[in-house]
Amino acid sequence: MPFTENQGTRIYWDEQGEGPPVLLIMGLGYPSYMWHRTRPHLAKKYRTIALDNRGVGRSDVPPGPYPIALMAADAA
């Protein structure tokens, strides 16, 4: 499983497909596998990269709050 780390928190991500990259970020509280209906269609033309926000799914769950700037840094 691929992980990246930001400010001491492990963030889960994975990729499917080939082509121009598309970053898939599910809303706060939902894991990346919730893209299961849309992602196969996107992956036919795009390199889809999905991540679990901190505190969700396979990413670490550090104490909050999670400011928007921090979550944007996780995605970057």
Protein backbone atom coordinates (compact mmCIF):
# COMPACT_ATOMS: atom_id res chain seq x y z
CA MET A 1 0.00 0.00 0.00
CA PRO A 2 1.42 3.39 -0.90
CA PHE A 3 1.59 5.99 1.81
CA THR A 4 3.09 9.43 2.01
CA GLU A 5 3.80 11.37 5.17
CA ASN A 6 2.95 14.96 5.99
CA GLN A 7 3.81 16.54 9.32
CA GLY A 8 4.11 13.16 11.04
CA THR A 9 0.85 11.72 9.65
CA ARG A 10 0.76 8.83 7.17
CA ILE A 11 -1.64 9.53 4.30
CA TYR A 12 -2.88 6.62 2.18
CA TRP A 13 -3.13 7.02 -1.59
CA ASP A 14 -3.30 4.85 -4.69
CA GLU A 15 -3.51 5.28 -8.43
CA GLN A 16 -5.34 3.63 -11.31
CA GLY A 17 -5.35 4.25 -15.04
CA GLU A 18 -3.06 6.13 -17.40
CA GLY A 19 -3.13 9.58 -18.92
CA PRO A 20 -3.34 13.08 -17.46
CA PRO A 21 -3.58 12.98 -13.65
CA VAL A 22 -6.85 13.57 -11.80
CA LEU A 23 -6.75 13.87 -8.00
CA LEU A 24 -9.82 12.37 -6.32
CA ILE A 25 -10.51 13.69 -2.84
CA MET A 26 -13.63 12.40 -1.12
CA GLY A 27 -15.39 14.68 1.34
CA LEU A 28 -14.29 14.74 4.96
CA GLY A 29 -15.42 11.56 6.67
CA TYR A 30 -15.55 9.30 3.60
CA PRO A 31 -12.71 7.01 2.46
CA SER A 32 -11.30 6.96 -1.05
CA TYR A 33 -12.97 3.66 -1.95
CA MET A 34 -16.25 5.59 -2.14
CA TRP A 35 -15.11 6.52 -5.67
CA HIS A 36 -15.82 2.89 -6.65
CA ARG A 37 -18.58 3.82 -9.14
CA THR A 38 -16.94 6.81 -10.80
CA ARG A 39 -13.29 5.85 -10.75
CA PRO A 40 -13.36 2.94 -13.23
CA HIS A 41 -14.82 5.25 -15.87
CA LEU A 42 -12.29 8.00 -15.18
CA ALA A 43 -9.40 5.52 -15.18
CA LYS A 44 -10.12 4.66 -18.82
CA LYS A 45 -8.76 8.07 -19.86
CA TYR A 46 -6.95 9.44 -16.81
CA ARG A 47 -4.39 8.52 -14.19
CA THR A 48 -6.64 8.71 -11.13
CA ILE A 49 -4.98 9.34 -7.80
CA ALA A 50 -7.20 8.88 -4.75
CA LEU A 51 -6.32 9.57 -1.14
CA ASP A 52 -7.84 9.04 2.26
CA ASN A 53 -7.96 12.33 4.15
CA ARG A 54 -6.26 12.30 7.52
CA GLY A 55 -8.54 10.77 10.09
CA VAL A 56 -10.34 8.62 7.49
CA GLY A 57 -9.89 5.18 5.93
CA ARG A 58 -6.33 3.87 5.90
CA SER A 59 -4.71 7.20 6.78
CA ASP A 60 -3.56 7.95 10.32
CA VAL A 61 -5.98 9.51 12.78
CA PRO A 62 -4.07 12.23 14.63
CA PRO A 63 -5.84 14.51 17.11
CA GLY A 64 -7.73 17.35 15.40
CA PRO A 65 -8.68 19.89 14.38
CA TYR A 66 -7.67 19.55 10.74
CA PRO A 67 -7.40 23.02 9.17
CA ILE A 68 -8.03 23.28 5.43
CA ALA A 69 -4.44 24.35 4.78
CA LEU A 70 -3.16 21.18 6.49
CA MET A 71 -5.47 18.94 4.47
CA ALA A 72 -4.43 20.73 1.26
CA ALA A 73 -0.79 20.06 2.19
CA ASP A 74 -1.68 16.36 2.64
CA ALA A 75 -3.07 16.26 -0.89
CA ALA A 76 -0.09 18.12 -2.36
